[in-house]
Structure formats: C-alpha cells, structure tokens
Amino acid sequence: MEILNNIVDEMSMAVANKDYSTHVSLQKKWTESIIFAKNNILKDKLTSLNEHLARLRKISLANPEQNLEAYDEIVLTLSAILERNPAKAENLARQHVANAKRRYYNYINVE
C-alpha cells in the first residue's frame, strides 16, 4: 500500500505540473504494482497486456482534462484499497478501464 501511495503522490505532482509524460509512465507503474499474481505465468501475461495497453494509455490521457479525470479515478481506487474494500476497489478499477476506453474513443472521434 505504501508503494501505491507513493505512486499516487508522484501522480499528483505530475498532474499539478502538467507533466503528461510522467503521468502516463506512472499510470503504467500503478497498473504493474497492483498485479499481485503469485502465478508467474499469469503475472507475465498481465505484464505483457499492460505493455500493449501503453498506446491506449497515451491516447486516453492526451489532454489535461482527461489526465486529471484519470488521476481522480486512481485516487478513488487507492482510497478503496486503503479501506480494504475489494469490491469497491474492483468496481472503481473496472470503471477506470471503461472510462479509459471512452477517453480513447473520444480522442480519436470514434464512437
């Protein structure tokens, strides 16, 4: 949880400084940090998937409003994790993914 807190603190600074590149990198780091798979094969697959999502992540966070929206979603998810409320954290994470998809389609003007 300390690692996740530190990542969100770094995200906060990146968002405040409008440092898009760092925020995208921290989004990737966040996702990698929550992959707690004990199964190394599963962990490798999830890490690979996360790498493939890098392009989507860059596009879905391409403008400042979307960047801030994604940051707020991560903060809410972290709060649920810190509350030790897995159902709430999962729902927020799923909503974050759905919102990332929406942000991506909005950016490329495809719906």
N, C-alpha and C. Protein backbone atom coordinates (compact mmCIF):
# COMPACT_ATOMS: atom_id res chain seq x y z
N MET A 1 0.83 -1.20 0.00
CA MET A 1 0.00 0.00 0.00
C MET A 1 0.87 1.26 0.00
N GLU A 2 2.04 1.13 0.62
CA GLU A 2 2.96 2.27 0.62
C GLU A 2 3.41 2.60 -0.80
N ILE A 3 3.66 1.56 -1.59
CA ILE A 3 4.08 1.77 -2.98
C ILE A 3 2.97 2.49 -3.75
N LEU A 4 1.72 2.04 -3.57
CA LEU A 4 0.61 2.67 -4.27
C LEU A 4 0.44 4.12 -3.84
N ASN A 5 0.58 4.37 -2.54
CA ASN A 5 0.50 5.76 -2.04
C ASN A 5 1.58 6.63 -2.68
N ASN A 6 2.79 6.10 -2.76
CA ASN A 6 3.89 6.86 -3.35
C ASN A 6 3.64 7.17 -4.82
N ILE A 7 3.10 6.19 -5.53
CA ILE A 7 2.80 6.41 -6.95
C ILE A 7 1.76 7.50 -7.10
N VAL A 8 0.72 7.46 -6.28
CA VAL A 8 -0.34 8.48 -6.37
C VAL A 8 0.22 9.85 -5.99
N ASP A 9 1.11 9.91 -5.01
CA ASP A 9 1.76 11.19 -4.67
C ASP A 9 2.54 11.73 -5.86
N GLU A 10 3.28 10.85 -6.54
CA GLU A 10 4.03 11.27 -7.72
C GLU A 10 3.09 11.71 -8.84
N MET A 11 1.96 11.00 -8.98
CA MET A 11 0.96 11.38 -9.99
C MET A 11 0.43 12.77 -9.70
N SER A 12 0.18 13.03 -8.43
CA SER A 12 -0.34 14.34 -8.04
C SER A 12 0.59 15.45 -8.49
N MET A 13 1.89 15.24 -8.28
CA MET A 13 2.87 16.25 -8.71
C MET A 13 2.89 16.36 -10.24
N ALA A 14 2.84 15.23 -10.92
CA ALA A 14 2.86 15.25 -12.38
C ALA A 14 1.64 15.97 -12.94
N VAL A 15 0.47 15.70 -12.36
CA VAL A 15 -0.76 16.36 -12.82
C VAL A 15 -0.67 17.85 -12.53
N ALA A 16 -0.21 18.22 -11.34
CA ALA A 16 -0.10 19.64 -10.98
C ALA A 16 0.87 20.38 -11.90
N ASN A 17 1.92 19.68 -12.31
CA ASN A 17 2.92 20.28 -13.19
C ASN A 17 2.60 20.10 -14.68
N LYS A 18 1.45 19.49 -14.95
CA LYS A 18 1.03 19.21 -16.33
C LYS A 18 2.10 18.44 -17.08
N ASP A 19 2.70 17.50 -16.35
CA ASP A 19 3.75 16.64 -16.90
C ASP A 19 3.10 15.37 -17.42
N TYR A 20 2.59 15.44 -18.64
CA TYR A 20 1.84 14.37 -19.26
C TYR A 20 2.66 13.09 -19.35
N SER A 21 3.89 13.21 -19.77
CA SER A 21 4.73 12.04 -19.97
C SER A 21 4.95 11.27 -18.66
N THR A 22 5.22 11.98 -17.60
CA THR A 22 5.42 11.32 -16.30
C THR A 22 4.13 10.68 -15.82
N HIS A 23 3.00 11.35 -16.02
CA HIS A 23 1.73 10.78 -15.57
C HIS A 23 1.43 9.48 -16.31
N VAL A 24 1.68 9.44 -17.60
CA VAL A 24 1.46 8.21 -18.37
C VAL A 24 2.35 7.09 -17.83
N SER A 25 3.59 7.43 -17.57
CA SER A 25 4.53 6.45 -17.02
C SER A 25 4.06 5.94 -15.65
N LEU A 26 3.55 6.84 -14.84
CA LEU A 26 3.08 6.45 -13.51
C LEU A 26 1.79 5.62 -13.58
N GLN A 27 0.96 5.87 -14.58
CA GLN A 27 -0.23 5.04 -14.78
C GLN A 27 0.21 3.59 -15.04
N LYS A 28 1.23 3.43 -15.85
CA LYS A 28 1.77 2.09 -16.14
C LYS A 28 2.33 1.46 -14.86
N LYS A 29 3.08 2.25 -14.11
CA LYS A 29 3.66 1.76 -12.86
C LYS A 29 2.57 1.36 -11.87
N TRP A 30 1.49 2.14 -11.81
CA TRP A 30 0.35 1.83 -10.94
C TRP A 30 -0.22 0.47 -11.29
N THR A 31 -0.48 0.26 -12.58
CA THR A 31 -1.06 -1.00 -13.03
C THR A 31 -0.14 -2.16 -12.71
N GLU A 32 1.14 -1.99 -12.98
CA GLU A 32 2.09 -3.05 -12.68
C GLU A 32 2.15 -3.35 -11.19
N SER A 33 2.01 -2.34 -10.37
CA SER A 33 2.09 -2.52 -8.92
C SER A 33 0.89 -3.24 -8.33
N ILE A 34 -0.24 -3.19 -9.01
CA ILE A 34 -1.41 -3.87 -8.47
C ILE A 34 -1.57 -5.29 -9.01
N ILE A 35 -0.63 -5.71 -9.84
CA ILE A 35 -0.64 -7.09 -10.33
C ILE A 35 0.06 -7.95 -9.27
N PHE A 36 -0.75 -8.56 -8.41
CA PHE A 36 -0.23 -9.33 -7.30
C PHE A 36 -0.26 -10.83 -7.57
N ALA A 37 -0.22 -11.22 -8.83
CA ALA A 37 -0.35 -12.64 -9.16
C ALA A 37 0.82 -13.44 -8.60
N LYS A 38 0.51 -14.48 -7.85
CA LYS A 38 1.54 -15.39 -7.37
C LYS A 38 1.99 -16.33 -8.48
N ASN A 39 1.12 -16.52 -9.45
CA ASN A 39 1.41 -17.37 -10.59
C ASN A 39 2.26 -16.56 -11.58
N ASN A 40 3.52 -16.95 -11.75
CA ASN A 40 4.43 -16.18 -12.61
C ASN A 40 3.98 -16.14 -14.06
N ILE A 41 3.35 -17.19 -14.53
CA ILE A 41 2.86 -17.19 -15.92
C ILE A 41 1.75 -16.15 -16.06
N LEU A 42 0.83 -16.13 -15.10
CA LEU A 42 -0.24 -15.14 -15.13
C LEU A 42 0.33 -13.73 -15.01
N LYS A 43 1.28 -13.55 -14.11
CA LYS A 43 1.90 -12.23 -13.93
C LYS A 43 2.57 -11.78 -15.23
N ASP A 44 3.27 -12.69 -15.91
CA ASP A 44 3.91 -12.35 -17.18
C ASP A 44 2.88 -11.95 -18.23
N LYS A 45 1.76 -12.67 -18.29
CA LYS A 45 0.71 -12.34 -19.25
C LYS A 45 0.10 -10.98 -18.96
N LEU A 46 -0.16 -10.71 -17.68
CA LEU A 46 -0.75 -9.42 -17.31
C LEU A 46 0.22 -8.28 -17.56
N THR A 47 1.49 -8.52 -17.32
CA THR A 47 2.51 -7.51 -17.60
C THR A 47 2.58 -7.24 -19.10
N SER A 48 2.54 -8.29 -19.90
CA SER A 48 2.56 -8.15 -21.35
C SER A 48 1.34 -7.35 -21.82
N LEU A 49 0.18 -7.68 -21.29
CA LEU A 49 -1.04 -6.94 -21.64
C LEU A 49 -0.90 -5.46 -21.28
N ASN A 50 -0.34 -5.20 -20.12
CA ASN A 50 -0.14 -3.83 -19.68
C ASN A 50 0.77 -3.08 -20.66
N GLU A 51 1.79 -3.75 -21.16
CA GLU A 51 2.68 -3.15 -22.15
C GLU A 51 1.92 -2.81 -23.43
N HIS A 52 1.04 -3.71 -23.86
CA HIS A 52 0.26 -3.47 -25.08
C HIS A 52 -0.73 -2.33 -24.90
N LEU A 53 -1.14 -2.08 -23.69
CA LEU A 53 -2.09 -1.00 -23.42
C LEU A 53 -1.41 0.37 -23.37
N ALA A 54 -0.10 0.39 -23.49
CA ALA A 54 0.64 1.65 -23.38
C ALA A 54 0.14 2.69 -24.39
N ARG A 55 -0.10 2.27 -25.62
CA ARG A 55 -0.57 3.22 -26.64
C ARG A 55 -1.95 3.77 -26.28
N LEU A 56 -2.84 2.88 -25.87
CA LEU A 56 -4.17 3.32 -25.44
C LEU A 56 -4.04 4.32 -24.30
N ARG A 57 -3.17 4.01 -23.34
CA ARG A 57 -2.99 4.88 -22.18
C ARG A 57 -2.51 6.27 -22.62
N LYS A 58 -1.55 6.32 -23.54
CA LYS A 58 -1.04 7.61 -24.01
C LYS A 58 -2.13 8.43 -24.67
N ILE A 59 -2.95 7.77 -25.48
CA ILE A 59 -4.02 8.47 -26.18
C ILE A 59 -5.14 8.86 -25.23
N SER A 60 -5.51 7.96 -24.31
CA SER A 60 -6.63 8.26 -23.42
C SER A 60 -6.29 9.35 -22.41
N LEU A 61 -5.00 9.62 -22.23
CA LEU A 61 -4.58 10.68 -21.31
C LEU A 61 -4.01 11.88 -22.05
N ALA A 62 -4.39 12.03 -23.30
CA ALA A 62 -3.75 13.02 -24.16
C ALA A 62 -4.07 14.47 -23.85
N ASN A 63 -5.18 14.74 -23.23
CA ASN A 63 -5.45 16.15 -22.92
C ASN A 63 -5.55 16.34 -21.40
N PRO A 64 -5.34 17.56 -20.93
CA PRO A 64 -5.29 17.81 -19.48
C PRO A 64 -6.55 17.40 -18.72
N GLU A 65 -7.72 17.61 -19.31
CA GLU A 65 -8.95 17.21 -18.62
C GLU A 65 -9.01 15.70 -18.43
N GLN A 66 -8.67 14.96 -19.47
CA GLN A 66 -8.67 13.51 -19.38
C GLN A 66 -7.60 13.04 -18.40
N ASN A 67 -6.47 13.71 -18.39
CA ASN A 67 -5.38 13.38 -17.50
C ASN A 67 -5.85 13.52 -16.05
N LEU A 68 -6.50 14.62 -15.73
CA LEU A 68 -6.99 14.87 -14.37
C LEU A 68 -8.09 13.89 -14.01
N GLU A 69 -8.98 13.58 -14.94
CA GLU A 69 -10.05 12.62 -14.70
C GLU A 69 -9.48 11.24 -14.34
N ALA A 70 -8.49 10.81 -15.08
CA ALA A 70 -7.86 9.51 -14.81
C ALA A 70 -7.17 9.52 -13.45
N TYR A 71 -6.51 10.61 -13.13
CA TYR A 71 -5.86 10.73 -11.82
C TYR A 71 -6.89 10.61 -10.70
N ASP A 72 -8.00 11.32 -10.84
CA ASP A 72 -9.06 11.26 -9.81
C ASP A 72 -9.58 9.83 -9.64
N GLU A 73 -9.70 9.10 -10.74
CA GLU A 73 -10.15 7.70 -10.66
C GLU A 73 -9.16 6.84 -9.88
N ILE A 74 -7.87 7.08 -10.11
CA ILE A 74 -6.85 6.33 -9.39
C ILE A 74 -6.89 6.66 -7.90
N VAL A 75 -7.09 7.91 -7.56
CA VAL A 75 -7.17 8.32 -6.15
C VAL A 75 -8.34 7.62 -5.47
N LEU A 76 -9.49 7.55 -6.14
CA LEU A 76 -10.65 6.86 -5.57
C LEU A 76 -10.37 5.37 -5.39
N THR A 77 -9.71 4.78 -6.37
CA THR A 77 -9.38 3.35 -6.28
C THR A 77 -8.43 3.10 -5.13
N LEU A 78 -7.42 3.95 -4.98
CA LEU A 78 -6.49 3.82 -3.86
C LEU A 78 -7.23 3.94 -2.53
N SER A 79 -8.17 4.85 -2.44
CA SER A 79 -8.95 5.00 -1.20
C SER A 79 -9.68 3.71 -0.85
N ALA A 80 -10.27 3.09 -1.86
CA ALA A 80 -10.98 1.82 -1.62
C ALA A 80 -10.01 0.72 -1.18
N ILE A 81 -8.82 0.71 -1.78
CA ILE A 81 -7.82 -0.28 -1.38
C ILE A 81 -7.40 -0.04 0.06
N LEU A 82 -7.16 1.21 0.42
CA LEU A 82 -6.76 1.53 1.78
C LEU A 82 -7.86 1.24 2.80
N GLU A 83 -9.11 1.34 2.34
CA GLU A 83 -10.26 0.97 3.19
C GLU A 83 -10.40 -0.54 3.31
N ARG A 84 -9.59 -1.26 2.54
CA ARG A 84 -9.66 -2.72 2.47
C ARG A 84 -11.06 -3.18 2.03
N ASN A 85 -11.53 -2.49 0.98
CA ASN A 85 -12.83 -2.79 0.41
C ASN A 85 -12.62 -3.29 -1.02
N PRO A 86 -12.36 -4.59 -1.17
CA PRO A 86 -12.01 -5.11 -2.51
C PRO A 86 -13.12 -4.95 -3.54
N ALA A 87 -14.36 -5.09 -3.12
CA ALA A 87 -15.46 -4.97 -4.09
C ALA A 87 -15.52 -3.54 -4.64
N LYS A 88 -15.40 -2.58 -3.77
CA LYS A 88 -15.42 -1.18 -4.19
C LYS A 88 -14.20 -0.88 -5.08
N ALA A 89 -13.03 -1.37 -4.68
CA ALA A 89 -11.81 -1.15 -5.47
C ALA A 89 -11.96 -1.76 -6.86
N GLU A 90 -12.51 -2.97 -6.91
CA GLU A 90 -12.69 -3.63 -8.20
C GLU A 90 -13.65 -2.84 -9.08
N ASN A 91 -14.76 -2.39 -8.50
CA ASN A 91 -15.74 -1.62 -9.28
C ASN A 91 -15.12 -0.33 -9.81
N LEU A 92 -14.34 0.34 -8.96
CA LEU A 92 -13.70 1.58 -9.39
C LEU A 92 -12.65 1.31 -10.47
N ALA A 93 -11.91 0.22 -10.33
CA ALA A 93 -10.91 -0.14 -11.34
C ALA A 93 -11.58 -0.46 -12.67
N ARG A 94 -12.68 -1.20 -12.61
CA ARG A 94 -13.41 -1.51 -13.84
C ARG A 94 -13.95 -0.23 -14.49
N GLN A 95 -14.45 0.68 -13.66
CA GLN A 95 -14.95 1.95 -14.20
C GLN A 95 -13.81 2.76 -14.82
N HIS A 96 -12.64 2.71 -14.19
CA HIS A 96 -11.46 3.40 -14.73
C HIS A 96 -11.11 2.86 -16.12
N VAL A 97 -11.16 1.56 -16.28
CA VAL A 97 -10.86 0.95 -17.59
C VAL A 97 -11.92 1.36 -18.61
N ALA A 98 -13.19 1.32 -18.21
CA ALA A 98 -14.25 1.73 -19.13
C ALA A 98 -14.10 3.20 -19.52
N ASN A 99 -13.74 4.03 -18.55
CA ASN A 99 -13.54 5.45 -18.84
C ASN A 99 -12.33 5.67 -19.74
N ALA A 100 -11.28 4.87 -19.56
CA ALA A 100 -10.10 4.97 -20.43
C ALA A 100 -10.50 4.66 -21.87
N LYS A 101 -11.33 3.65 -22.03
CA LYS A 101 -11.81 3.29 -23.37
C LYS A 101 -12.63 4.44 -23.95
N ARG A 102 -13.50 5.03 -23.15
CA ARG A 102 -14.31 6.17 -23.61
C ARG A 102 -13.41 7.35 -23.98
N ARG A 103 -12.40 7.63 -23.13
CA ARG A 103 -11.49 8.74 -23.42
C ARG A 103 -10.74 8.49 -24.73
N TYR A 104 -10.35 7.24 -24.95
CA TYR A 104 -9.64 6.87 -26.18
C TYR A 104 -10.53 7.14 -27.39
N TYR A 105 -11.77 6.65 -27.34
CA TYR A 105 -12.68 6.83 -28.48
C TYR A 105 -13.01 8.29 -28.68
N ASN A 106 -13.16 9.04 -27.59
CA ASN A 106 -13.43 10.47 -27.74
C ASN A 106 -12.25 11.17 -28.41
N TYR A 107 -11.05 10.74 -28.05
CA TYR A 107 -9.86 11.37 -28.61
C TYR A 107 -9.74 11.11 -30.12
N ILE A 108 -10.04 9.88 -30.51
CA ILE A 108 -9.90 9.56 -31.94
C ILE A 108 -11.21 9.81 -32.69
N ASN A 109 -12.22 10.35 -32.01
CA ASN A 109 -13.51 10.70 -32.59
C ASN A 109 -14.22 9.51 -33.21
N VAL A 110 -14.21 8.40 -32.51
CA VAL A 110 -14.93 7.20 -32.94
C VAL A 110 -15.81 6.78 -31.80
N GLU A 111 -17.06 6.54 -32.07
CA GLU A 111 -17.96 6.10 -31.01
C GLU A 111 -18.76 4.91 -31.47
